[in-house]
């Protein structure tokens, strides 16, 4: 009985490790190919809209379709 419990615990731990690794890979792929985050650096070029240390989220999806859009124009 102790051996079966040990196998179940190992199986459960491996499932958690797989799930965590999959979540990390998906997060990296989303950050790399879909969204980008950055902070506004010092300067007045976008004042009063953006202020220093504001956080920006950029959507990268339209960049992949830019060639298709330009062909239609």
Protein backbone atom coordinates (compact mmCIF):
# COMPACT_ATOMS: atom_id res chain seq x y z
CA UNK A 1 0.00 0.00 0.00
CA UNK A 2 2.86 2.41 0.75
CA UNK A 3 4.36 1.82 -2.68
CA UNK A 4 1.08 2.71 -4.44
CA UNK A 5 0.79 5.92 -2.40
CA UNK A 6 4.37 6.82 -3.32
CA UNK A 7 3.61 6.32 -7.04
CA UNK A 8 0.46 8.44 -6.73
CA UNK A 9 2.41 11.26 -5.06
CA UNK A 10 5.10 11.14 -7.78
CA UNK A 11 2.42 11.16 -10.47
CA UNK A 12 0.68 14.14 -8.83
CA UNK A 13 3.96 16.08 -8.52
CA UNK A 14 4.79 15.42 -12.17
CA UNK A 15 1.36 16.67 -13.22
CA UNK A 16 1.93 19.89 -11.25
CA UNK A 17 5.39 20.34 -12.77
CA UNK A 18 4.02 19.82 -16.29
CA UNK A 19 1.19 22.28 -15.68
CA UNK A 20 3.50 24.95 -14.29
CA UNK A 21 5.99 24.54 -17.14
CA UNK A 22 3.19 24.72 -19.71
CA UNK A 23 1.86 27.91 -18.09
CA UNK A 24 5.34 29.48 -18.17
CA UNK A 25 5.82 28.58 -21.85
CA UNK A 26 2.40 30.00 -22.76
CA UNK A 27 3.13 33.21 -20.83
CA UNK A 28 6.47 33.64 -22.62
CA UNK A 29 4.85 33.05 -26.01
CA UNK A 30 2.10 35.58 -25.27
CA UNK A 31 4.63 38.18 -24.12
CA UNK A 32 6.86 37.56 -27.12
CA UNK A 33 4.31 37.41 -29.94
CA UNK A 34 1.06 39.01 -28.77
CA UNK A 35 1.59 41.68 -26.09
CA UNK A 36 4.48 43.79 -24.93
CA UNK A 37 4.73 45.88 -21.78
CA UNK A 38 7.04 48.79 -21.21
CA UNK A 39 7.39 51.88 -19.05
CA UNK A 40 7.45 55.45 -20.29
CA UNK A 41 10.87 56.98 -19.87
CA UNK A 42 11.43 60.55 -18.78
CA UNK A 43 10.67 63.32 -21.24
CA UNK A 44 7.89 65.63 -22.29
CA UNK A 45 7.23 64.35 -25.81
CA UNK A 46 3.86 62.78 -24.91
CA UNK A 47 2.88 65.13 -22.08
CA UNK A 48 -0.02 65.53 -20.96
CA UNK A 49 -1.13 62.09 -22.21
CA UNK A 50 1.70 60.01 -20.77
CA UNK A 51 3.74 60.67 -17.68
CA UNK A 52 7.05 59.28 -16.50
CA UNK A 53 6.81 55.67 -15.23
CA UNK A 54 3.39 55.08 -16.84
CA UNK A 55 3.05 51.50 -18.03
CA UNK A 56 2.16 50.79 -21.66
CA UNK A 57 0.70 47.64 -23.16
CA UNK A 58 1.32 47.15 -26.87
CA UNK A 59 -0.71 44.77 -29.01
CA UNK A 60 1.56 43.08 -31.58
CA UNK A 61 -1.12 41.16 -33.48
CA UNK A 62 -1.78 43.89 -36.10
CA UNK A 63 1.92 43.89 -36.99
CA UNK A 64 1.58 40.37 -38.37
CA UNK A 65 -1.18 41.51 -40.75
CA UNK A 66 0.44 44.79 -41.80
CA UNK A 67 1.50 43.40 -45.19
CA UNK A 68 -2.06 42.27 -45.95
CA UNK A 69 -3.44 45.68 -45.04
CA UNK A 70 -0.87 47.51 -47.18
CA UNK A 71 -1.64 45.26 -50.17
CA UNK A 72 -5.30 46.28 -50.05
CA UNK A 73 -4.45 49.98 -50.07
